[in-house]
C-alpha atoms as a PDB file:
ATOM      1  CA  MET A   1       0.000   0.000   0.000  1.00  0.00           C
ATOM      2  CA  ALA A   2       1.390   3.422  -1.002  1.00  0.00           C
ATOM      3  CA  GLU A   3       2.053   5.924   1.744  1.00  0.00           C
ATOM      4  CA  ALA A   4      -0.180   9.001   1.568  1.00  0.00           C
ATOM      5  CA  ALA A   5       1.518  12.273   0.727  1.00  0.00           C
ATOM      6  CA  ALA A   6       2.134  14.524   3.710  1.00  0.00           C
ATOM      7  CA  PRO A   7       0.474  17.936   3.952  1.00  0.00           C
ATOM      8  CA  ARG A   8       2.403  20.943   2.622  1.00  0.00           C
ATOM      9  CA  SER A   9       2.219  24.559   3.751  1.00  0.00           C
ATOM     10  CA  TRP A  10       3.123  27.896   2.213  1.00  0.00           C
ATOM     11  CA  ARG A  11       3.361  31.227   4.007  1.00  0.00           C
ATOM     12  CA  PHE A  12       3.073  34.597   2.301  1.00  0.00           C
ATOM     13  CA  VAL A  13       3.766  37.897   4.093  1.00  0.00           C
ATOM     14  CA  PHE A  14       2.748  41.320   2.782  1.00  0.00           C
ATOM     15  CA  ASP A  15       3.494  44.927   3.697  1.00  0.00           C
ATOM     16  CA  ASP A  16      -0.159  45.907   3.901  1.00  0.00           C
ATOM     17  CA  TYR A  17      -3.660  44.499   3.924  1.00  0.00           C
ATOM     18  CA  ALA A  18      -4.553  45.844   0.461  1.00  0.00           C
ATOM     19  CA  THR A  19      -1.761  43.785  -1.121  1.00  0.00           C
ATOM     20  CA  LEU A  20      -2.781  40.739   0.914  1.00  0.00           C
ATOM     21  CA  ARG A  21      -6.401  41.183  -0.221  1.00  0.00           C
ATOM     22  CA  ARG A  22      -5.386  41.275  -3.901  1.00  0.00           C
ATOM     23  CA  PHE A  23      -3.323  38.120  -3.365  1.00  0.00           C
ATOM     24  CA  LEU A  24      -6.265  36.359  -1.692  1.00  0.00           C
ATOM     25  CA  ASP A  25      -8.471  37.294  -4.649  1.00  0.00           C
ATOM     26  CA  GLU A  26      -5.900  35.844  -7.043  1.00  0.00           C
ATOM     27  CA  LEU A  27      -5.716  32.659  -4.966  1.00  0.00           C
ATOM     28  CA  ALA A  28      -9.508  32.348  -4.993  1.00  0.00           C
ATOM     29  CA  SER A  29      -9.461  32.405  -8.796  1.00  0.00           C
ATOM     30  CA  ILE A  30      -6.794  29.699  -8.900  1.00  0.00           C
ATOM     31  CA  PHE A  31      -8.685  27.518  -6.432  1.00  0.00           C
ATOM     32  CA  GLU A  32     -11.943  27.936  -8.328  1.00  0.00           C
ATOM     33  CA  GLU A  33     -10.291  27.169 -11.669  1.00  0.00           C
ATOM     34  CA  HIS A  34      -8.960  23.860 -10.350  1.00  0.00           C
ATOM     35  CA  GLY A  35     -11.880  22.944  -8.096  1.00  0.00           C
ATOM     36  CA  TYR A  36      -9.700  22.484  -5.031  1.00  0.00           C
ATOM     37  CA  TYR A  37      -9.903  24.711  -1.961  1.00  0.00           C
ATOM     38  CA  PRO A  38      -7.052  24.160   0.517  1.00  0.00           C
ATOM     39  CA  ASN A  39      -7.040  25.281   4.130  1.00  0.00           C
ATOM     40  CA  GLN A  40      -6.320  28.985   4.506  1.00  0.00           C
ATOM     41  CA  SER A  41      -5.414  31.016   7.539  1.00  0.00           C
ATOM     42  CA  PHE A  42      -4.793  34.729   7.242  1.00  0.00           C
ATOM     43  CA  HIS A  43      -4.203  37.779   9.376  1.00  0.00           C
ATOM     44  CA  ARG A  44      -3.689  41.432   8.557  1.00  0.00           C
ATOM     45  CA  ALA A  45      -0.349  40.906   6.785  1.00  0.00           C
ATOM     46  CA  ASP A  46       0.104  37.188   6.135  1.00  0.00           C
ATOM     47  CA  VAL A  47      -1.620  34.097   4.801  1.00  0.00           C
ATOM     48  CA  THR A  48      -0.792  30.431   5.264  1.00  0.00           C
ATOM     49  CA  ILE A  49      -2.099  27.850   2.805  1.00  0.00           C
ATOM     50  CA  THR A  50      -2.029  24.156   3.716  1.00  0.00           C
ATOM     51  CA  ILE A  51      -2.730  21.380   1.265  1.00  0.00           C
ATOM     52  CA  ASP A  52      -3.548  17.972   2.668  1.00  0.00           C
ATOM     53  CA  PRO A  53      -3.726  15.513  -0.240  1.00  0.00           C
ATOM     54  CA  ALA A  54      -5.928  13.280   1.927  1.00  0.00           C
ATOM     55  CA  SER A  55      -8.662  15.929   1.612  1.00  0.00           C
ATOM     56  CA  ALA A  56      -8.579  15.979  -2.203  1.00  0.00           C
ATOM     57  CA  ASN A  57     -11.741  13.873  -2.555  1.00  0.00           C
ATOM     58  CA  GLY A  58     -10.431  12.386  -5.788  1.00  0.00           C
ATOM     59  CA  ASN A  59      -9.267  15.717  -7.232  1.00  0.00           C
ATOM     60  CA  ASP A  60      -5.576  14.842  -7.329  1.00  0.00           C
ATOM     61  CA  GLN A  61      -5.121  16.859 -10.512  1.00  0.00           C
ATOM     62  CA  GLY A  62      -6.546  19.952  -8.781  1.00  0.00           C
ATOM     63  CA  VAL A  63      -4.220  19.452  -5.826  1.00  0.00           C
ATOM     64  CA  ARG A  64      -1.187  19.210  -8.115  1.00  0.00           C
ATOM     65  CA  ALA A  65      -2.256  22.311 -10.069  1.00  0.00           C
ATOM     66  CA  VAL A  66      -2.755  24.377  -6.895  1.00  0.00           C
ATOM     67  CA  GLU A  67       0.594  23.159  -5.496  1.00  0.00           C
ATOM     68  CA  ALA A  68       2.284  24.191  -8.749  1.00  0.00           C
ATOM     69  CA  ALA A  69       0.661  27.639  -8.602  1.00  0.00           C
ATOM     70  CA  LEU A  70       1.779  28.154  -4.995  1.00  0.00           C
ATOM     71  CA  ASP A  71       5.299  26.973  -5.838  1.00  0.00           C
ATOM     72  CA  ALA A  72       5.335  29.475  -8.738  1.00  0.00           C
ATOM     73  CA  PHE A  73       4.574  32.313  -6.303  1.00  0.00           C
ATOM     74  CA  VAL A  74       7.480  31.155  -4.131  1.00  0.00           C
ATOM     75  CA  ALA A  75       9.770  30.977  -7.176  1.00  0.00           C
ATOM     76  CA  ARG A  76       8.861  34.630  -7.870  1.00  0.00           C
ATOM     77  CA  GLY A  77       9.813  35.525  -4.289  1.00  0.00           C
ATOM     78  CA  VAL A  78       6.272  36.120  -3.057  1.00  0.00           C
ATOM     79  CA  GLY A  79       6.345  33.620  -0.172  1.00  0.00           C
ATOM     80  CA  GLN A  80       8.007  30.544   1.203  1.00  0.00           C
ATOM     81  CA  ALA A  81       7.148  26.884   1.249  1.00  0.00           C
ATOM     82  CA  ASP A  82       7.395  24.796   4.365  1.00  0.00           C
ATOM     83  CA  ASP A  83       8.574  21.565   2.826  1.00  0.00           C
ATOM     84  CA  GLN A  84       9.094  19.729   6.086  1.00  0.00           C
ATOM     85  CA  ARG A  85       7.254  16.536   5.327  1.00  0.00           C
ATOM     86  CA  SER A  86       6.925  13.661   7.727  1.00  0.00           C
END
């Protein structure tokens, strides 16, 4: 039996709420496009996104697409990934 993939998290920090709000709107579009809505936690200046593949409900392709989009933000220097997997 294959071991389930561990959850992954990304953290994005912004200088102001307006920039954070625009980022959240962009994320919402990405999530809607791929039909996968990961866990989100945000405050005035930061947002943390956690993807738990176990919650994909058969939408593995959506999970991979959202992970790729989040990794692309990190590659552009927008945030950081917490790749500590168990």
